[in-house]
Protein backbone atom coordinates (compact mmCIF):
# COMPACT_ATOMS: atom_id res chain seq x y z
CA LYS A 1 -22.81 -10.04 -13.51
CA LYS A 2 -23.49 -11.04 -9.91
CA ILE A 3 -26.31 -9.28 -8.08
CA PRO A 4 -25.18 -7.83 -4.73
CA ARG A 5 -26.92 -8.84 -1.53
CA PRO A 6 -29.20 -6.25 0.08
CA MET A 7 -27.53 -4.36 2.90
CA ASN A 8 -28.56 -5.32 6.42
CA ARG A 9 -28.33 -3.23 9.62
CA TRP A 10 -24.72 -4.15 10.30
CA MET A 11 -23.60 -3.31 6.76
CA LEU A 12 -25.43 0.02 6.81
CA TRP A 13 -23.85 0.95 10.15
CA SER A 14 -20.33 -0.37 9.59
CA SER A 15 -19.53 0.56 5.99
CA PRO A 16 -19.18 4.35 6.53
CA ARG A 17 -17.27 3.85 9.79
CA ARG A 18 -14.76 1.15 8.80
CA ARG A 19 -12.15 3.53 7.34
CA GLY A 20 -12.34 5.69 10.45
CA TYR A 21 -11.73 2.71 12.71
CA GLN A 22 -8.85 1.53 10.51
CA ALA A 23 -7.28 5.00 10.68
CA LYS A 24 -7.82 5.16 14.45
CA TYR A 25 -6.33 1.67 15.02
CA PRO A 26 -3.74 1.11 12.24
CA GLU A 27 -2.00 -1.67 14.17
CA LEU A 28 -5.11 -3.89 14.21
CA THR A 29 -6.02 -6.47 11.58
CA ASN A 30 -9.34 -6.29 9.75
CA GLN A 31 -10.76 -8.99 12.01
CA GLN A 32 -9.76 -7.05 15.14
CA VAL A 33 -11.25 -3.84 13.72
CA SER A 34 -14.50 -5.71 13.06
CA THR A 35 -14.48 -6.97 16.64
CA ARG A 36 -14.09 -3.42 17.99
CA MET A 37 -16.83 -2.20 15.70
CA ALA A 38 -19.13 -5.02 16.85
CA GLU A 39 -18.58 -4.03 20.48
CA ASP A 40 -19.60 -0.44 19.67
CA TYR A 41 -22.53 -1.66 17.56
CA LYS A 42 -23.90 -3.64 20.51
CA LYS A 43 -23.85 -0.47 22.63
CA LEU A 44 -26.22 1.43 20.32
CA SER A 45 -29.36 2.86 21.84
CA PRO A 46 -32.80 1.46 20.94
CA GLU A 47 -33.55 4.60 18.92
CA GLU A 48 -30.45 4.06 16.81
CA THR A 49 -31.22 0.38 16.25
CA ASN A 50 -34.81 1.22 15.27
CA PHE A 51 -33.49 3.77 12.78
CA LEU A 52 -31.10 1.20 11.32
CA LYS A 53 -33.92 -1.35 11.08
CA LYS A 54 -36.04 1.11 9.10
CA GLU A 55 -33.09 1.91 6.83
CA ALA A 56 -32.39 -1.80 6.25
CA ASP A 57 -36.06 -2.46 5.45
CA GLN A 58 -36.03 0.43 2.99
CA ALA A 59 -32.80 -0.84 1.40
CA ALA A 60 -34.36 -4.32 1.08
CA LEU A 61 -37.45 -2.85 -0.58
CA ILE A 62 -35.34 -0.89 -3.07
CA HIS A 63 -33.26 -4.02 -3.73
CA SER A 64 -36.39 -6.09 -4.38
CA ILE A 65 -37.61 -3.48 -6.87
CA MET A 66 -34.26 -3.34 -8.68
CA TYR A 67 -33.77 -7.12 -8.73
CA PRO A 68 -37.23 -8.73 -8.62
CA GLY A 69 -36.09 -12.33 -9.18
CA TYR A 70 -33.19 -12.24 -6.71
CA LYS A 71 -32.67 -15.25 -4.49
CA PHE A 72 -29.66 -15.59 -2.19
CA SER A 73 -27.71 -18.74 -2.98
CA PRO A 74 -24.66 -19.26 -0.75
CA ARG A 75 -21.66 -21.27 -1.94
CA LYS A 76 -21.65 -24.97 -1.31
CA PRO A 77 -19.19 -26.13 1.40
CA GLY A 78 -16.68 -27.62 -1.06
CA GLU A 79 -16.89 -24.81 -3.59
CA LYS A 80 -13.74 -22.71 -3.94
CA ARG A 81 -13.77 -18.95 -4.06
CA ARG A 82 -12.14 -17.43 -7.13
CA ARG A 83 -10.59 -14.00 -6.99
């Protein structure tokens, strides 16, 4: 079984909001929804970004405890993705 990557700031912020954005903009593709979300993410206040940084650090710590030998290994350029 593949070990999931630890969640970063963007993942922590976007995952609970994605369905709301998709409901608000049903005519947009997933890429366009992500673009809108990124625009809103860039407008966050410093307090909000500091909070997200602390949450991401905490998530990374929990991840390192759960999966102590984890090392991110991205796919090689020629490697195909199987679904």
